[in-house]
Structure formats: structure tokens, C-alpha cells
Amino acid sequence: MKPRVLDPRGRALTDSLKVETHRSSLSVILLGMLFEGPMHAYRMQKSIKQRGVDKIVNVRRRASVYQALRQLLCMGLIEVHETVQAEKRPDTVVYAITDRGREMALAWLPKMLATIGADFPKFPAAVSLLTMLSPDDARKQFEFRADAVRKELNRLVAEKLAAGELPRLSLINNEYLSAMLKAELAWIQIIIADLASGSFAWGHQEHNQVEAVSNAGGQKTDNEYL
């Protein structure tokens, strides 16, 4: 039997909270920050950068956080806690998470941790179209990517060293990204070597091999009915 998801008070979450509408990584991140206490948007943006969350969610546009907050507000997952007025500056809106927001975040988070295949990054899509390039050009692009991965790994190492004695959980995103990039770099190096050696079937050769395998599979399937 599937274990129940409980909130911090030990209450089982209701079935109505299984709805996945409007869930996004940024929305869950913002709800998680509001778990810690009421915050205004600028503090959230600053915290996102300080924690390295900007490496895992797209907040390149400054309006991204404000748009996500408006959506959470419309859904009733957060509310306006207070509006702070200041002379010669726009009012600052401080947000707080609602009870429904807590429950929704606790329904989303386990699924996000346990589920694979929900993301659609660009790199695998490009890899699936490799034969549009020549083997030499494909190898060159992988070499460029390998260099970029090494630079990012070095940046993550420097970031971890600069963090000093912070607890491991505070740097868990850094650890995850480093592990993923190391695995990617190892795979890219294998592909570069195989492209250099000419071991890949390419162009018409690759097409002919696919046709041969497909035809063999079709004959086997037909024979199963005899």
C-alpha cells in the first residue's frame, strides 16, 4: 500500500490536493521559502541567488518571481501578509503561505523527488539529431560542451569552497549538479572517442542498419502467428 503523505502536524493530505495544475519548480521553491516565514519578492530573489537555486530554476527574467507570486496568490496558496509603506519608494508587499499552500507544497514535493522523466532539456533533443551533422562537426560540438562542463564544475567547486563550513544540506544543490555534470562529462568523453575512431554508423549506413533491425523484428513478429 502506498504510504500516506503527512503534513508537519501529522495530518493526511486530502485527495483534492493531488491536482497538478500550475505546478512549476519555481512555484514550489517560493512556497518552500515562505515555509520559513513571510517574505517580500526582493528578499526571495536575493535568497534564490544566495542558495544557488538560480542554477536549477529559470529566473533570468526579473519578472519571473513576481509572475509566479501572482499565480500563487490567485490560486490561494499564498496571501498578502502586510504592505510596508516607505517614503519615496514603492510599497513593499510581504507574502505568507496559506494552509492550502502548505498542503499543496507537501503534495507536490514528494512527487517531484520521486518522479523521473518530467523534464524536457534541450541537450537530449539535440543528441537525437546528431546525424544532421558530420561526424567531425558533431565531435567538435561535444568537445565544446565538454569544455563548458569542466568550467561549470570548476565554478561549483569554487562555490563550495567559498561556502566554508556550511552544513551539507545547504549545499545539496551544488552536490547534485556536480554529480550530474561529472556523469555527463564522462559520457561525453566516451562519445568523443567513439566519434574520433569512426565506430558510429552514420548517414546511409546508420539508416540501413535501422532498416535491417526493423525488418528482422517484423519477420520475427509475423512468425509468432504461424
C-alpha atoms as a PDB file:
ATOM      1  CA  MET A   1       0.000   0.000   0.000  1.00  0.00           C
ATOM      2  CA  LYS A   2       1.308   3.456  -0.907  1.00  0.00           C
ATOM      3  CA  PRO A   3       2.360   5.441   2.201  1.00  0.00           C
ATOM      4  CA  ARG A   4       0.310   8.492   3.052  1.00  0.00           C
ATOM      5  CA  VAL A   5       1.867  11.921   2.773  1.00  0.00           C
ATOM      6  CA  LEU A   6       1.502  13.832   6.023  1.00  0.00           C
ATOM      7  CA  ASP A   7       1.848  17.499   6.847  1.00  0.00           C
ATOM      8  CA  PRO A   8       4.070  18.692   9.747  1.00  0.00           C
ATOM      9  CA  ARG A   9       1.190  18.152  12.175  1.00  0.00           C
ATOM     10  CA  GLY A  10       0.785  14.527  11.110  1.00  0.00           C
ATOM     11  CA  ARG A  11      -2.442  15.127   9.177  1.00  0.00           C
ATOM     12  CA  ALA A  12      -3.061  13.134   5.998  1.00  0.00           C
ATOM     13  CA  LEU A  13      -3.332  15.280   2.894  1.00  0.00           C
ATOM     14  CA  THR A  14      -6.705  15.274   1.174  1.00  0.00           C
ATOM     15  CA  ASP A  15      -7.289  13.689  -2.233  1.00  0.00           C
ATOM     16  CA  SER A  16      -8.214  17.058  -3.713  1.00  0.00           C
ATOM     17  CA  LEU A  17      -4.591  18.127  -3.337  1.00  0.00           C
ATOM     18  CA  LYS A  18      -3.452  15.633  -5.978  1.00  0.00           C
ATOM     19  CA  VAL A  19      -4.269  18.177  -8.655  1.00  0.00           C
ATOM     20  CA  GLU A  20      -1.124  19.089 -10.573  1.00  0.00           C
ATOM     21  CA  THR A  21      -2.469  22.243 -12.231  1.00  0.00           C
ATOM     22  CA  HIS A  22       0.014  25.115 -12.455  1.00  0.00           C
ATOM     23  CA  ARG A  23       2.796  23.294 -10.644  1.00  0.00           C
ATOM     24  CA  SER A  24       6.258  24.576 -11.532  1.00  0.00           C
ATOM     25  CA  SER A  25       9.693  24.260  -9.951  1.00  0.00           C
ATOM     26  CA  LEU A  26       9.755  27.989  -9.221  1.00  0.00           C
ATOM     27  CA  SER A  27       6.328  27.875  -7.571  1.00  0.00           C
ATOM     28  CA  VAL A  28       7.427  25.080  -5.243  1.00  0.00           C
ATOM     29  CA  ILE A  29      10.693  26.902  -4.466  1.00  0.00           C
ATOM     30  CA  LEU A  30       8.751  30.046  -3.496  1.00  0.00           C
ATOM     31  CA  LEU A  31       6.328  28.067  -1.348  1.00  0.00           C
ATOM     32  CA  GLY A  32       9.310  26.417   0.334  1.00  0.00           C
ATOM     33  CA  MET A  33      10.817  29.801   1.152  1.00  0.00           C
ATOM     34  CA  LEU A  34       7.519  31.000   2.610  1.00  0.00           C
ATOM     35  CA  PHE A  35       7.517  27.898   4.829  1.00  0.00           C
ATOM     36  CA  GLU A  36      10.358  29.686   6.653  1.00  0.00           C
ATOM     37  CA  GLY A  37       8.268  32.798   7.213  1.00  0.00           C
ATOM     38  CA  PRO A  38       6.711  35.777   5.415  1.00  0.00           C
ATOM     39  CA  MET A  39       8.926  37.429   2.780  1.00  0.00           C
ATOM     40  CA  HIS A  40       8.778  40.084   0.111  1.00  0.00           C
ATOM     41  CA  ALA A  41       9.706  39.394  -3.516  1.00  0.00           C
ATOM     42  CA  TYR A  42      13.105  41.108  -3.434  1.00  0.00           C
ATOM     43  CA  ARG A  43      14.213  39.024  -0.461  1.00  0.00           C
ATOM     44  CA  MET A  44      13.106  35.875  -2.291  1.00  0.00           C
ATOM     45  CA  GLN A  45      15.105  36.849  -5.377  1.00  0.00           C
ATOM     46  CA  LYS A  46      18.173  37.516  -3.247  1.00  0.00           C
ATOM     47  CA  SER A  47      17.759  34.219  -1.399  1.00  0.00           C
ATOM     48  CA  ILE A  48      17.371  32.320  -4.690  1.00  0.00           C
ATOM     49  CA  LYS A  49      20.745  33.636  -5.822  1.00  0.00           C
ATOM     50  CA  GLN A  50      22.471  33.104  -2.468  1.00  0.00           C
ATOM     51  CA  ARG A  51      21.317  29.477  -2.302  1.00  0.00           C
ATOM     52  CA  GLY A  52      22.285  28.736  -5.915  1.00  0.00           C
ATOM     53  CA  VAL A  53      18.684  27.986  -6.827  1.00  0.00           C
ATOM     54  CA  ASP A  54      19.068  30.175  -9.927  1.00  0.00           C
ATOM     55  CA  LYS A  55      21.109  27.281 -11.382  1.00  0.00           C
ATOM     56  CA  ILE A  56      18.126  24.918 -11.260  1.00  0.00           C
ATOM     57  CA  VAL A  57      15.129  27.163 -11.982  1.00  0.00           C
ATOM     58  CA  ASN A  58      14.809  29.767 -14.706  1.00  0.00           C
ATOM     59  CA  VAL A  59      14.738  33.192 -13.087  1.00  0.00           C
ATOM     60  CA  ARG A  60      16.750  35.037 -15.733  1.00  0.00           C
ATOM     61  CA  ARG A  61      13.897  37.468 -16.222  1.00  0.00           C
ATOM     62  CA  ARG A  62      13.415  39.676 -13.178  1.00  0.00           C
ATOM     63  CA  ALA A  63       9.650  39.426 -13.587  1.00  0.00           C
ATOM     64  CA  SER A  64       9.667  35.622 -13.210  1.00  0.00           C
ATOM     65  CA  VAL A  65       9.379  35.668  -9.421  1.00  0.00           C
ATOM     66  CA  TYR A  66       6.650  38.340  -9.473  1.00  0.00           C
ATOM     67  CA  GLN A  67       4.649  36.405 -12.080  1.00  0.00           C
ATOM     68  CA  ALA A  68       4.929  33.182 -10.065  1.00  0.00           C
ATOM     69  CA  LEU A  69       3.836  35.010  -6.902  1.00  0.00           C
ATOM     70  CA  ARG A  70       0.793  36.458  -8.674  1.00  0.00           C
ATOM     71  CA  GLN A  71      -0.162  32.976  -9.847  1.00  0.00           C
ATOM     72  CA  LEU A  72       0.233  31.508  -6.345  1.00  0.00           C
ATOM     73  CA  LEU A  73      -1.850  34.380  -4.987  1.00  0.00           C
ATOM     74  CA  CYS A  74      -4.649  33.710  -7.492  1.00  0.00           C
ATOM     75  CA  MET A  75      -4.597  30.017  -6.550  1.00  0.00           C
ATOM     76  CA  GLY A  76      -4.970  30.861  -2.867  1.00  0.00           C
ATOM     77  CA  LEU A  77      -1.656  29.212  -1.987  1.00  0.00           C
ATOM     78  CA  ILE A  78      -0.186  32.439  -0.618  1.00  0.00           C
ATOM     79  CA  GLU A  79      -1.662  35.659   0.742  1.00  0.00           C
ATOM     80  CA  VAL A  80      -0.593  39.228   1.392  1.00  0.00           C
ATOM     81  CA  HIS A  81       0.788  39.285   4.934  1.00  0.00           C
ATOM     82  CA  GLU A  82       1.355  43.032   5.048  1.00  0.00           C
ATOM     83  CA  THR A  83       2.146  46.029   2.879  1.00  0.00           C
ATOM     84  CA  VAL A  84       5.084  48.082   4.109  1.00  0.00           C
ATOM     85  CA  GLN A  85       4.991  51.734   3.133  1.00  0.00           C
ATOM     86  CA  ALA A  86       8.150  53.797   2.741  1.00  0.00           C
ATOM     87  CA  GLU A  87       8.756  57.377   1.729  1.00  0.00           C
ATOM     88  CA  LYS A  88       9.908  57.971  -1.842  1.00  0.00           C
ATOM     89  CA  ARG A  89       9.770  54.234  -2.607  1.00  0.00           C
ATOM     90  CA  PRO A  90       7.050  51.881  -3.852  1.00  0.00           C
ATOM     91  CA  ASP A  91       5.163  49.933  -1.210  1.00  0.00           C
ATOM     92  CA  THR A  92       6.697  46.559  -0.339  1.00  0.00           C
ATOM     93  CA  VAL A  93       4.278  43.626  -0.344  1.00  0.00           C
ATOM     94  CA  VAL A  94       5.140  40.860   2.116  1.00  0.00           C
ATOM     95  CA  TYR A  95       3.672  37.421   1.308  1.00  0.00           C
ATOM     96  CA  ALA A  96       2.830  34.494   3.579  1.00  0.00           C
ATOM     97  CA  ILE A  97       1.925  30.897   2.765  1.00  0.00           C
ATOM     98  CA  THR A  98      -1.668  29.783   3.409  1.00  0.00           C
ATOM     99  CA  ASP A  99      -2.759  26.462   4.916  1.00  0.00           C
ATOM    100  CA  ARG A 100      -3.732  25.270   1.452  1.00  0.00           C
ATOM    101  CA  GLY A 101      -0.348  26.396   0.155  1.00  0.00           C
ATOM    102  CA  ARG A 102       1.392  24.279   2.795  1.00  0.00           C
ATOM    103  CA  GLU A 103      -0.707  21.259   1.909  1.00  0.00           C
ATOM    104  CA  MET A 104      -0.211  21.728  -1.831  1.00  0.00           C
ATOM    105  CA  ALA A 105       3.573  22.088  -1.452  1.00  0.00           C
ATOM    106  CA  LEU A 106       3.663  18.923   0.661  1.00  0.00           C
ATOM    107  CA  ALA A 107       1.655  17.116  -2.033  1.00  0.00           C
ATOM    108  CA  TRP A 108       3.925  18.335  -4.855  1.00  0.00           C
ATOM    109  CA  LEU A 109       7.328  17.871  -3.224  1.00  0.00           C
ATOM    110  CA  PRO A 110       7.294  14.047  -2.776  1.00  0.00           C
ATOM    111  CA  LYS A 111       6.222  13.581  -6.410  1.00  0.00           C
ATOM    112  CA  MET A 112       8.961  15.899  -7.654  1.00  0.00           C
ATOM    113  CA  LEU A 113      11.555  13.961  -5.644  1.00  0.00           C
ATOM    114  CA  ALA A 114      10.358  10.513  -6.689  1.00  0.00           C
ATOM    115  CA  THR A 115       9.354  11.042 -10.343  1.00  0.00           C
ATOM    116  CA  ILE A 116      11.662  10.928 -13.353  1.00  0.00           C
ATOM    117  CA  GLY A 117      11.026  11.953 -16.941  1.00  0.00           C
ATOM    118  CA  ALA A 118       9.125  15.142 -16.173  1.00  0.00           C
ATOM    119  CA  ASP A 119      11.760  17.456 -17.653  1.00  0.00           C
ATOM    120  CA  PHE A 120      12.493  18.017 -21.335  1.00  0.00           C
ATOM    121  CA  PRO A 121      16.008  19.521 -21.590  1.00  0.00           C
ATOM    122  CA  LYS A 122      17.393  20.663 -24.951  1.00  0.00           C
ATOM    123  CA  PHE A 123      20.597  18.599 -24.938  1.00  0.00           C
ATOM    124  CA  PRO A 124      18.979  15.142 -25.376  1.00  0.00           C
ATOM    125  CA  ALA A 125      16.825  16.554 -28.174  1.00  0.00           C
ATOM    126  CA  ALA A 126      19.941  17.755 -29.996  1.00  0.00           C
ATOM    127  CA  VAL A 127      21.711  14.410 -29.398  1.00  0.00           C
ATOM    128  CA  SER A 128      18.822  12.604 -31.107  1.00  0.00           C
ATOM    129  CA  LEU A 129      19.547  14.630 -34.283  1.00  0.00           C
ATOM    130  CA  LEU A 130      23.302  14.089 -34.418  1.00  0.00           C
ATOM    131  CA  THR A 131      23.324  12.684 -37.937  1.00  0.00           C
ATOM    132  CA  MET A 132      22.270  16.074 -39.300  1.00  0.00           C
ATOM    133  CA  LEU A 133      25.939  16.982 -38.721  1.00  0.00           C
ATOM    134  CA  SER A 134      29.082  15.317 -39.998  1.00  0.00           C
ATOM    135  CA  PRO A 135      30.924  13.090 -37.501  1.00  0.00           C
ATOM    136  CA  ASP A 136      33.760  15.631 -37.284  1.00  0.00           C
ATOM    137  CA  ASP A 137      31.400  18.521 -36.621  1.00  0.00           C
ATOM    138  CA  ALA A 138      29.475  16.503 -34.028  1.00  0.00           C
ATOM    139  CA  ARG A 139      32.746  15.630 -32.275  1.00  0.00           C
ATOM    140  CA  LYS A 140      33.770  19.290 -32.289  1.00  0.00           C
ATOM    141  CA  GLN A 141      30.481  20.349 -30.686  1.00  0.00           C
ATOM    142  CA  PHE A 142      30.848  17.683 -27.998  1.00  0.00           C
ATOM    143  CA  GLU A 143      34.377  18.971 -27.309  1.00  0.00           C
ATOM    144  CA  PHE A 144      32.965  22.483 -26.896  1.00  0.00           C
ATOM    145  CA  ARG A 145      30.364  21.127 -24.479  1.00  0.00           C
ATOM    146  CA  ALA A 146      32.998  19.167 -22.547  1.00  0.00           C
ATOM    147  CA  ASP A 147      34.961  22.381 -22.035  1.00  0.00           C
ATOM    148  CA  ALA A 148      31.813  24.162 -20.850  1.00  0.00           C
ATOM    149  CA  VAL A 149      31.029  21.320 -18.407  1.00  0.00           C
ATOM    150  CA  ARG A 150      34.568  21.447 -16.978  1.00  0.00           C
ATOM    151  CA  LYS A 151      34.280  25.204 -16.430  1.00  0.00           C
ATOM    152  CA  GLU A 152      30.940  24.777 -14.676  1.00  0.00           C
ATOM    153  CA  LEU A 153      32.394  22.013 -12.481  1.00  0.00           C
ATOM    154  CA  ASN A 154      35.276  24.297 -11.527  1.00  0.00           C
ATOM    155  CA  ARG A 155      32.792  27.060 -10.690  1.00  0.00           C
ATOM    156  CA  LEU A 156      30.802  24.703  -8.471  1.00  0.00           C
ATOM    157  CA  VAL A 157      33.980  23.603  -6.664  1.00  0.00           C
ATOM    158  CA  ALA A 158      34.919  27.256  -6.065  1.00  0.00           C
ATOM    159  CA  GLU A 159      31.381  27.978  -4.843  1.00  0.00           C
ATOM    160  CA  LYS A 160      31.577  25.082  -2.382  1.00  0.00           C
ATOM    161  CA  LEU A 161      34.968  26.197  -1.064  1.00  0.00           C
ATOM    162  CA  ALA A 162      33.717  29.767  -0.637  1.00  0.00           C
ATOM    163  CA  ALA A 163      30.754  28.472   1.387  1.00  0.00           C
ATOM    164  CA  GLY A 164      33.138  27.379   4.136  1.00  0.00           C
ATOM    165  CA  GLU A 165      31.653  25.201   6.863  1.00  0.00           C
ATOM    166  CA  LEU A 166      28.013  25.429   5.822  1.00  0.00           C
ATOM    167  CA  PRO A 167      26.059  22.225   6.583  1.00  0.00           C
ATOM    168  CA  ARG A 168      25.795  19.712   3.744  1.00  0.00           C
ATOM    169  CA  LEU A 169      22.065  20.283   3.223  1.00  0.00           C
ATOM    170  CA  SER A 170      22.724  23.962   2.494  1.00  0.00           C
ATOM    171  CA  LEU A 171      24.922  22.876  -0.410  1.00  0.00           C
ATOM    172  CA  ILE A 172      22.859  19.911  -1.620  1.00  0.00           C
ATOM    173  CA  ASN A 173      22.062  21.610  -4.956  1.00  0.00           C
ATOM    174  CA  ASN A 174      25.776  22.137  -5.548  1.00  0.00           C
ATOM    175  CA  GLU A 175      26.420  18.461  -4.769  1.00  0.00           C
ATOM    176  CA  TYR A 176      23.649  17.268  -7.109  1.00  0.00           C
ATOM    177  CA  LEU A 177      24.716  19.495 -10.007  1.00  0.00           C
ATOM    178  CA  SER A 178      28.351  18.435  -9.594  1.00  0.00           C
ATOM    179  CA  ALA A 179      27.416  14.746  -9.649  1.00  0.00           C
ATOM    180  CA  MET A 180      25.258  15.182 -12.762  1.00  0.00           C
ATOM    181  CA  LEU A 181      27.944  17.164 -14.604  1.00  0.00           C
ATOM    182  CA  LYS A 182      30.656  14.621 -13.728  1.00  0.00           C
ATOM    183  CA  ALA A 183      28.489  11.832 -15.130  1.00  0.00           C
ATOM    184  CA  GLU A 184      27.735  13.875 -18.261  1.00  0.00           C
ATOM    185  CA  LEU A 185      31.415  14.685 -18.784  1.00  0.00           C
ATOM    186  CA  ALA A 186      32.374  11.005 -18.512  1.00  0.00           C
ATOM    187  CA  TRP A 187      29.724  10.091 -21.124  1.00  0.00           C
ATOM    188  CA  ILE A 188      30.724  12.944 -23.457  1.00  0.00           C
ATOM    189  CA  GLN A 189      34.352  11.811 -23.370  1.00  0.00           C
ATOM    190  CA  ILE A 190      33.282   8.317 -24.453  1.00  0.00           C
ATOM    191  CA  ILE A 191      31.219   9.754 -27.321  1.00  0.00           C
ATOM    192  CA  ILE A 192      34.111  11.982 -28.443  1.00  0.00           C
ATOM    193  CA  ALA A 193      36.447   8.978 -28.518  1.00  0.00           C
ATOM    194  CA  ASP A 194      33.942   6.866 -30.464  1.00  0.00           C
ATOM    195  CA  LEU A 195      33.328   9.665 -32.968  1.00  0.00           C
ATOM    196  CA  ALA A 196      37.092  10.060 -33.450  1.00  0.00           C
ATOM    197  CA  SER A 197      37.539   6.320 -34.032  1.00  0.00           C
ATOM    198  CA  GLY A 198      34.709   6.152 -36.567  1.00  0.00           C
ATOM    199  CA  SER A 199      32.888   3.402 -34.659  1.00  0.00           C
ATOM    200  CA  PHE A 200      29.476   5.024 -35.156  1.00  0.00           C
ATOM    201  CA  ALA A 201      27.341   4.097 -38.151  1.00  0.00           C
ATOM    202  CA  TRP A 202      26.469   7.385 -39.866  1.00  0.00           C
ATOM    203  CA  GLY A 203      24.158   8.668 -42.564  1.00  0.00           C
ATOM    204  CA  HIS A 204      23.064   5.967 -45.033  1.00  0.00           C
ATOM    205  CA  GLN A 205      24.968   3.321 -43.065  1.00  0.00           C
ATOM    206  CA  GLU A 206      23.007   4.123 -39.900  1.00  0.00           C
ATOM    207  CA  HIS A 207      19.730   4.214 -41.870  1.00  0.00           C
ATOM    208  CA  ASN A 208      20.437   0.817 -43.445  1.00  0.00           C
ATOM    209  CA  GLN A 209      21.216  -0.740 -40.058  1.00  0.00           C
ATOM    210  CA  VAL A 210      17.957   0.625 -38.599  1.00  0.00           C
ATOM    211  CA  GLU A 211      16.020  -0.775 -41.574  1.00  0.00           C
ATOM    212  CA  ALA A 212      17.681  -4.169 -41.182  1.00  0.00           C
ATOM    213  CA  VAL A 213      16.852  -4.356 -37.475  1.00  0.00           C
ATOM    214  CA  SER A 214      13.251  -3.222 -38.120  1.00  0.00           C
ATOM    215  CA  ASN A 215      12.763  -5.790 -40.874  1.00  0.00           C
ATOM    216  CA  ALA A 216      14.207  -8.563 -38.723  1.00  0.00           C
ATOM    217  CA  GLY A 217      11.863  -7.606 -35.905  1.00  0.00           C
ATOM    218  CA  GLY A 218       8.889  -7.580 -38.258  1.00  0.00           C
ATOM    219  CA  GLN A 219       9.683 -11.067 -39.600  1.00  0.00           C
ATOM    220  CA  LYS A 220      10.009 -12.405 -36.062  1.00  0.00           C
ATOM    221  CA  THR A 221       6.630 -10.939 -35.138  1.00  0.00           C
ATOM    222  CA  ASP A 222       4.988 -12.459 -38.229  1.00  0.00           C
ATOM    223  CA  ASN A 223       6.442 -15.901 -37.453  1.00  0.00           C
ATOM    224  CA  GLU A 224       4.931 -15.787 -33.975  1.00  0.00           C
ATOM    225  CA  TYR A 225       1.459 -16.077 -35.564  1.00  0.00           C
ATOM    226  CA  LEU A 226       2.349 -19.130 -37.693  1.00  0.00           C
END
